[in-house]
Amino acid sequence: MHDAGHAVPAMVAVVDTGEATPAATPVATPVATPAAMEARAEARAGVVRRLALLTGRERQVFERVVQGLPNKQIAAQLGIALKTVKVHRGRVMLKMEAASVADLVRFAASVGL
């Protein structure tokens, strides 16, 4: 039999030196079920359909919003008034059916933007 009292300090010493990490309980790699894959594909298709509803200018505003740019900077980049950016941003939120900028970022990421 092994003396458990000696094994723990030795393992901690190895971890402290960075030479190795203790063996952990194996974690199962999640496997996407066919239903989950289909749901993601449908969600992506919905985002693509909603993106197609945006005008060119709304798309430009959308892309800058998901990059995290403030309205004032978007206005300067596009050469339009701040109020116009706010109007376009509001229309983007409606057309994309987004409740928040985080939703817009998720949508953009889901289609590779």
PDB file of N, CA and C in Angstrom:
ATOM      1  N   MET A   1       0.823  -1.194   0.000  1.00  0.00           N
ATOM      2  CA  MET A   1       0.000   0.000   0.000  1.00  0.00           C
ATOM      3  C   MET A   1       0.863   1.253   0.000  1.00  0.00           C
ATOM      4  N   HIS A   2       0.316   2.315  -0.626  1.00  0.00           N
ATOM      5  CA  HIS A   2       1.029   3.595  -0.651  1.00  0.00           C
ATOM      6  C   HIS A   2       0.597   4.426   0.528  1.00  0.00           C
ATOM      7  N   ASP A   3       1.504   5.228   0.997  1.00  0.00           N
ATOM      8  CA  ASP A   3       1.181   6.137   2.082  1.00  0.00           C
ATOM      9  C   ASP A   3       0.650   7.430   1.475  1.00  0.00           C
ATOM     10  N   ALA A   4      -0.646   7.661   1.563  1.00  0.00           N
ATOM     11  CA  ALA A   4      -1.279   8.834   0.953  1.00  0.00           C
ATOM     12  C   ALA A   4      -0.740  10.128   1.514  1.00  0.00           C
ATOM     13  N   GLY A   5      -0.254  10.119   2.733  1.00  0.00           N
ATOM     14  CA  GLY A   5       0.270  11.326   3.357  1.00  0.00           C
ATOM     15  C   GLY A   5       1.490  11.873   2.639  1.00  0.00           C
ATOM     16  N   HIS A   6       2.257  11.014   1.974  1.00  0.00           N
ATOM     17  CA  HIS A   6       3.446  11.460   1.261  1.00  0.00           C
ATOM     18  C   HIS A   6       3.162  11.828  -0.187  1.00  0.00           C
ATOM     19  N   ALA A   7       2.122  11.285  -0.751  1.00  0.00           N
ATOM     20  CA  ALA A   7       1.816  11.534  -2.158  1.00  0.00           C
ATOM     21  C   ALA A   7       1.320  12.950  -2.388  1.00  0.00           C
ATOM     22  N   VAL A   8       0.535  13.471  -1.475  1.00  0.00           N
ATOM     23  CA  VAL A   8      -0.035  14.806  -1.665  1.00  0.00           C
ATOM     24  C   VAL A   8       1.045  15.878  -1.668  1.00  0.00           C
ATOM     25  N   PRO A   9       1.961  15.934  -0.696  1.00  0.00           N
ATOM     26  CA  PRO A   9       2.997  16.972  -0.757  1.00  0.00           C
ATOM     27  C   PRO A   9       3.858  16.865  -2.013  1.00  0.00           C
ATOM     28  N   ALA A  10       4.142  15.649  -2.460  1.00  0.00           N
ATOM     29  CA  ALA A  10       4.938  15.484  -3.673  1.00  0.00           C
ATOM     30  C   ALA A  10       4.198  16.048  -4.874  1.00  0.00           C
ATOM     31  N   MET A  11       2.901  15.793  -4.965  1.00  0.00           N
ATOM     32  CA  MET A  11       2.107  16.306  -6.080  1.00  0.00           C
ATOM     33  C   MET A  11       2.050  17.820  -6.027  1.00  0.00           C
ATOM     34  N   VAL A  12       1.891  18.388  -4.855  1.00  0.00           N
ATOM     35  CA  VAL A  12       1.843  19.841  -4.723  1.00  0.00           C
ATOM     36  C   VAL A  12       3.179  20.438  -5.135  1.00  0.00           C
ATOM     37  N   ALA A  13       4.277  19.805  -4.771  1.00  0.00           N
ATOM     38  CA  ALA A  13       5.591  20.308  -5.143  1.00  0.00           C
ATOM     39  C   ALA A  13       5.762  20.320  -6.651  1.00  0.00           C
ATOM     40  N   VAL A  14       5.283  19.289  -7.320  1.00  0.00           N
ATOM     41  CA  VAL A  14       5.383  19.228  -8.776  1.00  0.00           C
ATOM     42  C   VAL A  14       4.565  20.336  -9.402  1.00  0.00           C
ATOM     43  N   VAL A  15       3.366  20.584  -8.880  1.00  0.00           N
ATOM     44  CA  VAL A  15       2.517  21.636  -9.411  1.00  0.00           C
ATOM     45  C   VAL A  15       3.164  22.995  -9.196  1.00  0.00           C
ATOM     46  N   ASP A  16       3.738  23.217  -8.021  1.00  0.00           N
ATOM     47  CA  ASP A  16       4.380  24.495  -7.727  1.00  0.00           C
ATOM     48  C   ASP A  16       5.544  24.799  -8.665  1.00  0.00           C
ATOM     49  N   THR A  17       6.252  23.789  -9.111  1.00  0.00           N
ATOM     50  CA  THR A  17       7.388  24.023  -9.988  1.00  0.00           C
ATOM     51  C   THR A  17       6.971  24.215 -11.435  1.00  0.00           C
ATOM     52  N   GLY A  18       5.718  23.883 -11.739  1.00  0.00           N
ATOM     53  CA  GLY A  18       5.232  24.034 -13.089  1.00  0.00           C
ATOM     54  C   GLY A  18       5.632  22.896 -13.998  1.00  0.00           C
ATOM     55  N   GLU A  19       6.208  21.846 -13.430  1.00  0.00           N
ATOM     56  CA  GLU A  19       6.650  20.722 -14.246  1.00  0.00           C
ATOM     57  C   GLU A  19       5.504  19.857 -14.743  1.00  0.00           C
ATOM     58  N   ALA A  20       4.456  19.762 -13.963  1.00  0.00           N
ATOM     59  CA  ALA A  20       3.333  18.913 -14.347  1.00  0.00           C
ATOM     60  C   ALA A  20       2.111  19.357 -13.569  1.00  0.00           C
ATOM     61  N   THR A  21       0.985  18.964 -14.039  1.00  0.00           N
ATOM     62  CA  THR A  21      -0.241  19.239 -13.309  1.00  0.00           C
ATOM     63  C   THR A  21      -0.821  17.913 -12.847  1.00  0.00           C
ATOM     64  N   PRO A  22      -1.522  17.927 -11.736  1.00  0.00           N
ATOM     65  CA  PRO A  22      -2.099  16.679 -11.249  1.00  0.00           C
ATOM     66  C   PRO A  22      -3.173  16.181 -12.201  1.00  0.00           C
ATOM     67  N   ALA A  23      -3.307  14.887 -12.245  1.00  0.00           N
ATOM     68  CA  ALA A  23      -4.338  14.291 -13.093  1.00  0.00           C
ATOM     69  C   ALA A  23      -5.694  14.668 -12.528  1.00  0.00           C
ATOM     70  N   ALA A  24      -6.551  15.142 -13.369  1.00  0.00           N
ATOM     71  CA  ALA A  24      -7.889  15.520 -12.951  1.00  0.00           C
ATOM     72  C   ALA A  24      -8.876  14.493 -13.478  1.00  0.00           C
ATOM     73  N   THR A  25     -10.064  14.585 -12.977  1.00  0.00           N
ATOM     74  CA  THR A  25     -11.119  13.714 -13.475  1.00  0.00           C
ATOM     75  C   THR A  25     -11.347  14.055 -14.938  1.00  0.00           C
ATOM     76  N   PRO A  26     -11.361  13.059 -15.810  1.00  0.00           N
ATOM     77  CA  PRO A  26     -11.569  13.350 -17.238  1.00  0.00           C
ATOM     78  C   PRO A  26     -12.890  14.085 -17.469  1.00  0.00           C
ATOM     79  N   VAL A  27     -12.831  15.051 -18.347  1.00  0.00           N
ATOM     80  CA  VAL A  27     -14.025  15.816 -18.691  1.00  0.00           C
ATOM     81  C   VAL A  27     -14.455  15.392 -20.088  1.00  0.00           C
ATOM     82  N   ALA A  28     -15.703  15.040 -20.204  1.00  0.00           N
ATOM     83  CA  ALA A  28     -16.217  14.611 -21.502  1.00  0.00           C
ATOM     84  C   ALA A  28     -16.287  15.797 -22.447  1.00  0.00           C
ATOM     85  N   THR A  29     -15.859  15.608 -23.653  1.00  0.00           N
ATOM     86  CA  THR A  29     -15.970  16.640 -24.677  1.00  0.00           C
ATOM     87  C   THR A  29     -17.409  16.658 -25.160  1.00  0.00           C
ATOM     88  N   PRO A  30     -18.058  17.837 -25.105  1.00  0.00           N
ATOM     89  CA  PRO A  30     -19.449  17.879 -25.547  1.00  0.00           C
ATOM     90  C   PRO A  30     -19.565  17.550 -27.033  1.00  0.00           C
ATOM     91  N   VAL A  31     -20.531  16.760 -27.344  1.00  0.00           N
ATOM     92  CA  VAL A  31     -20.784  16.391 -28.729  1.00  0.00           C
ATOM     93  C   VAL A  31     -22.122  16.999 -29.125  1.00  0.00           C
ATOM     94  N   ALA A  32     -22.115  17.734 -30.224  1.00  0.00           N
ATOM     95  CA  ALA A  32     -23.345  18.361 -30.687  1.00  0.00           C
ATOM     96  C   ALA A  32     -24.264  17.292 -31.268  1.00  0.00           C
ATOM     97  N   THR A  33     -25.473  17.302 -30.785  1.00  0.00           N
ATOM     98  CA  THR A  33     -26.456  16.364 -31.317  1.00  0.00           C
ATOM     99  C   THR A  33     -26.953  16.882 -32.658  1.00  0.00           C
ATOM    100  N   PRO A  34     -27.503  16.015 -33.473  1.00  0.00           N
ATOM    101  CA  PRO A  34     -28.055  16.484 -34.750  1.00  0.00           C
ATOM    102  C   PRO A  34     -29.109  17.581 -34.550  1.00  0.00           C
ATOM    103  N   ALA A  35     -29.917  17.450 -33.505  1.00  0.00           N
ATOM    104  CA  ALA A  35     -30.942  18.473 -33.247  1.00  0.00           C
ATOM    105  C   ALA A  35     -30.299  19.813 -32.902  1.00  0.00           C
ATOM    106  N   ALA A  36     -29.223  19.786 -32.112  1.00  0.00           N
ATOM    107  CA  ALA A  36     -28.537  21.027 -31.743  1.00  0.00           C
ATOM    108  C   ALA A  36     -27.873  21.659 -32.960  1.00  0.00           C
ATOM    109  N   MET A  37     -27.288  20.824 -33.808  1.00  0.00           N
ATOM    110  CA  MET A  37     -26.650  21.342 -35.026  1.00  0.00           C
ATOM    111  C   MET A  37     -27.689  21.957 -35.956  1.00  0.00           C
ATOM    112  N   GLU A  38     -28.845  21.329 -36.054  1.00  0.00           N
ATOM    113  CA  GLU A  38     -29.912  21.863 -36.898  1.00  0.00           C
ATOM    114  C   GLU A  38     -30.437  23.180 -36.342  1.00  0.00           C
ATOM    115  N   ALA A  39     -30.569  23.260 -35.014  1.00  0.00           N
ATOM    116  CA  ALA A  39     -31.052  24.497 -34.388  1.00  0.00           C
ATOM    117  C   ALA A  39     -30.082  25.641 -34.642  1.00  0.00           C
ATOM    118  N   ARG A  40     -28.765  25.353 -34.554  1.00  0.00           N
ATOM    119  CA  ARG A  40     -27.776  26.402 -34.829  1.00  0.00           C
ATOM    120  C   ARG A  40     -27.822  26.832 -36.288  1.00  0.00           C
ATOM    121  N   ALA A  41     -28.014  25.885 -37.185  1.00  0.00           N
ATOM    122  CA  ALA A  41     -28.091  26.210 -38.616  1.00  0.00           C
ATOM    123  C   ALA A  41     -29.318  27.070 -38.897  1.00  0.00           C
ATOM    124  N   GLU A  42     -30.431  26.755 -38.255  1.00  0.00           N
ATOM    125  CA  GLU A  42     -31.649  27.553 -38.432  1.00  0.00           C
ATOM    126  C   GLU A  42     -31.456  28.959 -37.871  1.00  0.00           C
ATOM    127  N   ALA A  43     -30.809  29.056 -36.722  1.00  0.00           N
ATOM    128  CA  ALA A  43     -30.554  30.364 -36.123  1.00  0.00           C
ATOM    129  C   ALA A  43     -29.665  31.202 -37.034  1.00  0.00           C
ATOM    130  N   ARG A  44     -28.617  30.566 -37.589  1.00  0.00           N
ATOM    131  CA  ARG A  44     -27.723  31.270 -38.528  1.00  0.00           C
ATOM    132  C   ARG A  44     -28.498  31.748 -39.752  1.00  0.00           C
ATOM    133  N   ALA A  45     -29.359  30.890 -40.278  1.00  0.00           N
ATOM    134  CA  ALA A  45     -30.157  31.255 -41.460  1.00  0.00           C
ATOM    135  C   ALA A  45     -31.062  32.439 -41.137  1.00  0.00           C
ATOM    136  N   GLY A  46     -31.606  32.466 -39.935  1.00  0.00           N
ATOM    137  CA  GLY A  46     -32.446  33.595 -39.517  1.00  0.00           C
ATOM    138  C   GLY A  46     -31.657  34.887 -39.469  1.00  0.00           C
ATOM    139  N   VAL A  47     -30.441  34.813 -38.977  1.00  0.00           N
ATOM    140  CA  VAL A  47     -29.584  36.004 -38.923  1.00  0.00           C
ATOM    141  C   VAL A  47     -29.279  36.478 -40.337  1.00  0.00           C
ATOM    142  N   VAL A  48     -28.964  35.555 -41.222  1.00  0.00           N
ATOM    143  CA  VAL A  48     -28.672  35.915 -42.615  1.00  0.00           C
ATOM    144  C   VAL A  48     -29.891  36.589 -43.254  1.00  0.00           C
ATOM    145  N   ARG A  49     -31.085  36.038 -43.001  1.00  0.00           N
ATOM    146  CA  ARG A  49     -32.312  36.646 -43.553  1.00  0.00           C
ATOM    147  C   ARG A  49     -32.508  38.066 -43.024  1.00  0.00           C
ATOM    148  N   ARG A  50     -32.285  38.250 -41.727  1.00  0.00           N
ATOM    149  CA  ARG A  50     -32.475  39.585 -41.146  1.00  0.00           C
ATOM    150  C   ARG A  50     -31.406  40.557 -41.643  1.00  0.00           C
ATOM    151  N   LEU A  51     -30.169  40.084 -41.806  1.00  0.00           N
ATOM    152  CA  LEU A  51     -29.110  40.952 -42.349  1.00  0.00           C
ATOM    153  C   LEU A  51     -29.475  41.441 -43.743  1.00  0.00           C
ATOM    154  N   ALA A  52     -30.139  40.604 -44.522  1.00  0.00           N
ATOM    155  CA  ALA A  52     -30.534  40.977 -45.883  1.00  0.00           C
ATOM    156  C   ALA A  52     -31.561  42.100 -45.887  1.00  0.00           C
ATOM    157  N   LEU A  53     -32.237  42.309 -44.762  1.00  0.00           N
ATOM    158  CA  LEU A  53     -33.233  43.381 -44.660  1.00  0.00           C
ATOM    159  C   LEU A  53     -32.592  44.754 -44.455  1.00  0.00           C
ATOM    160  N   LEU A  54     -31.338  44.765 -44.037  1.00  0.00           N
ATOM    161  CA  LEU A  54     -30.670  46.045 -43.758  1.00  0.00           C
ATOM    162  C   LEU A  54     -30.287  46.756 -45.048  1.00  0.00           C
ATOM    163  N   THR A  55     -30.429  48.076 -45.023  1.00  0.00           N
ATOM    164  CA  THR A  55     -29.932  48.872 -46.143  1.00  0.00           C
ATOM    165  C   THR A  55     -28.400  48.883 -46.078  1.00  0.00           C
ATOM    166  N   GLY A  56     -27.775  49.376 -47.113  1.00  0.00           N
ATOM    167  CA  GLY A  56     -26.321  49.471 -47.117  1.00  0.00           C
ATOM    168  C   GLY A  56     -25.799  50.292 -45.959  1.00  0.00           C
ATOM    169  N   ARG A  57     -26.420  51.428 -45.692  1.00  0.00           N
ATOM    170  CA  ARG A  57     -25.978  52.299 -44.605  1.00  0.00           C
ATOM    171  C   ARG A  57     -26.225  51.635 -43.247  1.00  0.00           C
ATOM    172  N   GLU A  58     -27.363  50.966 -43.104  1.00  0.00           N
ATOM    173  CA  GLU A  58     -27.644  50.261 -41.850  1.00  0.00           C
ATOM    174  C   GLU A  58     -26.604  49.159 -41.624  1.00  0.00           C
ATOM    175  N   ARG A  59     -26.201  48.502 -42.691  1.00  0.00           N
ATOM    176  CA  ARG A  59     -25.181  47.457 -42.589  1.00  0.00           C
ATOM    177  C   ARG A  59     -23.856  48.063 -42.132  1.00  0.00           C
ATOM    178  N   GLN A  60     -23.514  49.234 -42.672  1.00  0.00           N
ATOM    179  CA  GLN A  60     -22.286  49.902 -42.253  1.00  0.00           C
ATOM    180  C   GLN A  60     -22.336  50.249 -40.764  1.00  0.00           C
ATOM    181  N   VAL A  61     -23.478  50.748 -40.327  1.00  0.00           N
ATOM    182  CA  VAL A  61     -23.642  51.084 -38.905  1.00  0.00           C
ATOM    183  C   VAL A  61     -23.579  49.812 -38.067  1.00  0.00           C
ATOM    184  N   PHE A  62     -24.276  48.763 -38.503  1.00  0.00           N
ATOM    185  CA  PHE A  62     -24.264  47.477 -37.795  1.00  0.00           C
ATOM    186  C   PHE A  62     -22.826  46.990 -37.587  1.00  0.00           C
ATOM    187  N   GLU A  63     -22.042  46.978 -38.652  1.00  0.00           N
ATOM    188  CA  GLU A  63     -20.666  46.481 -38.571  1.00  0.00           C
ATOM    189  C   GLU A  63     -19.842  47.279 -37.571  1.00  0.00           C
ATOM    190  N   ARG A  64     -20.042  48.583 -37.518  1.00  0.00           N
ATOM    191  CA  ARG A  64     -19.279  49.411 -36.589  1.00  0.00           C
ATOM    192  C   ARG A  64     -19.776  49.255 -35.157  1.00  0.00           C
ATOM    193  N   VAL A  65     -21.081  49.081 -34.991  1.00  0.00           N
ATOM    194  CA  VAL A  65     -21.627  48.869 -33.645  1.00  0.00           C
ATOM    195  C   VAL A  65     -21.054  47.581 -33.060  1.00  0.00           C
ATOM    196  N   VAL A  66     -21.025  46.500 -33.842  1.00  0.00           N
ATOM    197  CA  VAL A  66     -20.518  45.234 -33.308  1.00  0.00           C
ATOM    198  C   VAL A  66     -19.012  45.272 -33.081  1.00  0.00           C
ATOM    199  N   GLN A  67     -18.323  46.225 -33.699  1.00  0.00           N
ATOM    200  CA  GLN A  67     -16.899  46.423 -33.416  1.00  0.00           C
ATOM    201  C   GLN A  67     -16.699  47.184 -32.113  1.00  0.00           C
ATOM    202  N   GLY A  68     -17.790  47.714 -31.565  1.00  0.00           N
ATOM    203  CA  GLY A  68     -17.715  48.432 -30.300  1.00  0.00           C
ATOM    204  C   GLY A  68     -17.493  49.922 -30.425  1.00  0.00           C
ATOM    205  N   LEU A  69     -17.644  50.463 -31.632  1.00  0.00           N
ATOM    206  CA  LEU A  69     -17.434  51.900 -31.814  1.00  0.00           C
ATOM    207  C   LEU A  69     -18.598  52.698 -31.248  1.00  0.00           C
ATOM    208  N   PRO A  70     -18.304  53.832 -30.613  1.00  0.00           N
ATOM    209  CA  PRO A  70     -19.387  54.707 -30.132  1.00  0.00           C
ATOM    210  C   PRO A  70     -20.052  55.429 -31.307  1.00  0.00           C
ATOM    211  N   ASN A  71     -21.291  55.847 -31.092  1.00  0.00           N
ATOM    212  CA  ASN A  71     -22.062  56.522 -32.139  1.00  0.00           C
ATOM    213  C   ASN A  71     -21.316  57.700 -32.750  1.00  0.00           C
ATOM    214  N   LYS A  72     -20.653  58.473 -31.910  1.00  0.00           N
ATOM    215  CA  LYS A  72     -19.946  59.664 -32.388  1.00  0.00           C
ATOM    216  C   LYS A  72     -18.836  59.283 -33.381  1.00  0.00           C
ATOM    217  N   GLN A  73     -18.132  58.218 -33.085  1.00  0.00           N
ATOM    218  CA  GLN A  73     -17.060  57.775 -33.980  1.00  0.00           C
ATOM    219  C   GLN A  73     -17.638  57.189 -35.271  1.00  0.00           C
ATOM    220  N   ILE A  74     -18.763  56.482 -35.157  1.00  0.00           N
ATOM    221  CA  ILE A  74     -19.423  55.953 -36.353  1.00  0.00           C
ATOM    222  C   ILE A  74     -19.835  57.107 -37.259  1.00  0.00           C
ATOM    223  N   ALA A  75     -20.404  58.144 -36.656  1.00  0.00           N
ATOM    224  CA  ALA A  75     -20.829  59.314 -37.423  1.00  0.00           C
ATOM    225  C   ALA A  75     -19.642  59.936 -38.161  1.00  0.00           C
ATOM    226  N   ALA A  76     -18.534  60.074 -37.463  1.00  0.00           N
ATOM    227  CA  ALA A  76     -17.339  60.674 -38.074  1.00  0.00           C
ATOM    228  C   ALA A  76     -16.818  59.804 -39.221  1.00  0.00           C
ATOM    229  N   GLN A  77     -16.764  58.496 -39.018  1.00  0.00           N
ATOM    230  CA  GLN A  77     -16.256  57.593 -40.056  1.00  0.00           C
ATOM    231  C   GLN A  77     -17.136  57.601 -41.297  1.00  0.00           C
ATOM    232  N   LEU A  78     -18.461  57.670 -41.088  1.00  0.00           N
ATOM    233  CA  LEU A  78     -19.385  57.602 -42.215  1.00  0.00           C
ATOM    234  C   LEU A  78     -19.738  58.971 -42.778  1.00  0.00           C
ATOM    235  N   GLY A  79     -19.304  60.027 -42.101  1.00  0.00           N
ATOM    236  CA  GLY A  79     -19.591  61.382 -42.568  1.00  0.00           C
ATOM    237  C   GLY A  79     -21.056  61.740 -42.485  1.00  0.00           C
ATOM    238  N   ILE A  80     -21.714  61.264 -41.418  1.00  0.00           N
ATOM    239  CA  ILE A  80     -23.138  61.554 -41.217  1.00  0.00           C
ATOM    240  C   ILE A  80     -23.342  62.125 -39.817  1.00  0.00           C
ATOM    241  N   ALA A  81     -24.493  62.701 -39.589  1.00  0.00           N
ATOM    242  CA  ALA A  81     -24.794  63.295 -38.291  1.00  0.00           C
ATOM    243  C   ALA A  81     -24.988  62.223 -37.221  1.00  0.00           C
ATOM    244  N   LEU A  82     -24.681  62.599 -35.989  1.00  0.00           N
ATOM    245  CA  LEU A  82     -24.863  61.702 -34.850  1.00  0.00           C
ATOM    246  C   LEU A  82     -26.315  61.224 -34.766  1.00  0.00           C
ATOM    247  N   LYS A  83     -27.239  62.134 -34.980  1.00  0.00           N
ATOM    248  CA  LYS A  83     -28.666  61.773 -34.937  1.00  0.00           C
ATOM    249  C   LYS A  83     -28.990  60.715 -35.998  1.00  0.00           C
ATOM    250  N   THR A  84     -28.374  60.825 -37.160  1.00  0.00           N
ATOM    251  CA  THR A  84     -28.607  59.857 -38.234  1.00  0.00           C
ATOM    252  C   THR A  84     -28.090  58.482 -37.831  1.00  0.00           C
ATOM    253  N   VAL A  85     -26.935  58.441 -37.167  1.00  0.00           N
ATOM    254  CA  VAL A  85     -26.402  57.166 -36.675  1.00  0.00           C
ATOM    255  C   VAL A  85     -27.394  56.544 -35.705  1.00  0.00           C
ATOM    256  N   LYS A  86     -27.935  57.360 -34.810  1.00  0.00           N
ATOM    257  CA  LYS A  86     -28.888  56.844 -33.816  1.00  0.00           C
ATOM    258  C   LYS A  86     -30.141  56.278 -34.489  1.00  0.00           C
ATOM    259  N   VAL A  87     -30.597  56.943 -35.533  1.00  0.00           N
ATOM    260  CA  VAL A  87     -31.767  56.458 -36.273  1.00  0.00           C
ATOM    261  C   VAL A  87     -31.437  55.121 -36.942  1.00  0.00           C
ATOM    262  N   HIS A  88     -30.303  55.061 -37.626  1.00  0.00           N
ATOM    263  CA  HIS A  88     -29.900  53.817 -38.288  1.00  0.00           C
ATOM    264  C   HIS A  88     -29.714  52.692 -37.265  1.00  0.00           C
ATOM    265  N   ARG A  89     -29.098  53.024 -36.150  1.00  0.00           N
ATOM    266  CA  ARG A  89     -28.869  52.023 -35.106  1.00  0.00           C
ATOM    267  C   ARG A  89     -30.196  51.478 -34.575  1.00  0.00           C
ATOM    268  N   GLY A  90     -31.153  52.350 -34.386  1.00  0.00           N
ATOM    269  CA  GLY A  90     -32.471  51.912 -33.939  1.00  0.00           C
ATOM    270  C   GLY A  90     -33.143  50.996 -34.948  1.00  0.00           C
ATOM    271  N   ARG A  91     -33.013  51.345 -36.228  1.00  0.00           N
ATOM    272  CA  ARG A  91     -33.592  50.491 -37.279  1.00  0.00           C
ATOM    273  C   ARG A  91     -32.886  49.142 -37.353  1.00  0.00           C
ATOM    274  N   VAL A  92     -31.576  49.140 -37.141  1.00  0.00           N
ATOM    275  CA  VAL A  92     -30.813  47.889 -37.118  1.00  0.00           C
ATOM    276  C   VAL A  92     -31.327  47.001 -35.985  1.00  0.00           C
ATOM    277  N   MET A  93     -31.496  47.588 -34.821  1.00  0.00           N
ATOM    278  CA  MET A  93     -31.983  46.814 -33.670  1.00  0.00           C
ATOM    279  C   MET A  93     -33.350  46.198 -33.975  1.00  0.00           C
ATOM    280  N   LEU A  94     -34.229  46.974 -34.590  1.00  0.00           N
ATOM    281  CA  LEU A  94     -35.558  46.466 -34.930  1.00  0.00           C
ATOM    282  C   LEU A  94     -35.498  45.367 -35.985  1.00  0.00           C
ATOM    283  N   LYS A  95     -34.802  45.633 -37.074  1.00  0.00           N
ATOM    284  CA  LYS A  95     -34.745  44.666 -38.167  1.00  0.00           C
ATOM    285  C   LYS A  95     -34.027  43.379 -37.766  1.00  0.00           C
ATOM    286  N   MET A  96     -33.026  43.500 -36.903  1.00  0.00           N
ATOM    287  CA  MET A  96     -32.276  42.321 -36.464  1.00  0.00           C
ATOM    288  C   MET A  96     -32.960  41.624 -35.283  1.00  0.00           C
ATOM    289  N   GLU A  97     -34.033  42.230 -34.784  1.00  0.00           N
ATOM    290  CA  GLU A  97     -34.765  41.683 -33.638  1.00  0.00           C
ATOM    291  C   GLU A  97     -33.829  41.490 -32.443  1.00  0.00           C
ATOM    292  N   ALA A  98     -33.041  42.520 -32.193  1.00  0.00           N
ATOM    293  CA  ALA A  98     -32.061  42.492 -31.115  1.00  0.00           C
ATOM    294  C   ALA A  98     -32.546  43.329 -29.936  1.00  0.00           C
ATOM    295  N   ALA A  99     -32.369  42.788 -28.754  1.00  0.00           N
ATOM    296  CA  ALA A  99     -32.734  43.507 -27.538  1.00  0.00           C
ATOM    297  C   ALA A  99     -31.550  44.303 -26.992  1.00  0.00           C
ATOM    298  N   SER A 100     -30.341  43.967 -27.453  1.00  0.00           N
ATOM    299  CA  SER A 100     -29.143  44.625 -26.934  1.00  0.00           C
ATOM    300  C   SER A 100     -28.023  44.563 -27.972  1.00  0.00           C
ATOM    301  N   VAL A 101     -26.986  45.334 -27.710  1.00  0.00           N
ATOM    302  CA  VAL A 101     -25.805  45.287 -28.580  1.00  0.00           C
ATOM    303  C   VAL A 101     -25.162  43.903 -28.468  1.00  0.00           C
ATOM    304  N   ALA A 102     -25.236  43.291 -27.309  1.00  0.00           N
ATOM    305  CA  ALA A 102     -24.694  41.939 -27.143  1.00  0.00           C
ATOM    306  C   ALA A 102     -25.369  40.971 -28.114  1.00  0.00           C
ATOM    307  N   ASP A 103     -26.670  41.140 -28.320  1.00  0.00           N
ATOM    308  CA  ASP A 103     -27.374  40.311 -29.308  1.00  0.00           C
ATOM    309  C   ASP A 103     -26.782  40.527 -30.695  1.00  0.00           C
ATOM    310  N   LEU A 104     -26.545  41.778 -31.051  1.00  0.00           N
ATOM    311  CA  LEU A 104     -25.973  42.081 -32.369  1.00  0.00           C
ATOM    312  C   LEU A 104     -24.598  41.427 -32.523  1.00  0.00           C
ATOM    313  N   VAL A 105     -23.805  41.468 -31.469  1.00  0.00           N
ATOM    314  CA  VAL A 105     -22.468  40.866 -31.516  1.00  0.00           C
ATOM    315  C   VAL A 105     -22.592  39.356 -31.712  1.00  0.00           C
ATOM    316  N   ARG A 106     -23.518  38.724 -31.003  1.00  0.00           N
ATOM    317  CA  ARG A 106     -23.731  37.279 -31.165  1.00  0.00           C
ATOM    318  C   ARG A 106     -24.166  36.957 -32.589  1.00  0.00           C
ATOM    319  N   PHE A 107     -25.075  37.768 -33.124  1.00  0.00           N
ATOM    320  CA  PHE A 107     -25.547  37.541 -34.500  1.00  0.00           C
ATOM    321  C   PHE A 107     -24.382  37.646 -35.477  1.00  0.00           C
ATOM    322  N   ALA A 108     -23.582  38.692 -35.315  1.00  0.00           N
ATOM    323  CA  ALA A 108     -22.430  38.889 -36.209  1.00  0.00           C
ATOM    324  C   ALA A 108     -21.472  37.702 -36.121  1.00  0.00           C
ATOM    325  N   ALA A 109     -21.205  37.257 -34.924  1.00  0.00           N
ATOM    326  CA  ALA A 109     -20.286  36.132 -34.735  1.00  0.00           C
ATOM    327  C   ALA A 109     -20.846  34.844 -35.346  1.00  0.00           C
ATOM    328  N   SER A 110     -22.159  34.687 -35.277  1.00  0.00           N
ATOM    329  CA  SER A 110     -22.770  33.445 -35.786  1.00  0.00           C
ATOM    330  C   SER A 110     -22.656  33.307 -37.303  1.00  0.00           C
ATOM    331  N   VAL A 111     -22.477  34.434 -37.986  1.00  0.00           N
ATOM    332  CA  VAL A 111     -22.329  34.396 -39.441  1.00  0.00           C
ATOM    333  C   VAL A 111     -20.922  34.772 -39.893  1.00  0.00           C
ATOM    334  N   GLY A 112     -20.007  34.850 -38.947  1.00  0.00           N
ATOM    335  CA  GLY A 112     -18.602  35.097 -39.285  1.00  0.00           C
ATOM    336  C   GLY A 112     -18.234  36.520 -39.588  1.00  0.00           C
ATOM    337  N   LEU A 113     -18.990  37.467 -39.076  1.00  0.00           N
ATOM    338  CA  LEU A 113     -18.631  38.888 -39.306  1.00  0.00           C
ATOM    339  C   LEU A 113     -17.745  39.406 -38.180  1.00  0.00           C
TER     340      LEU A 113
END
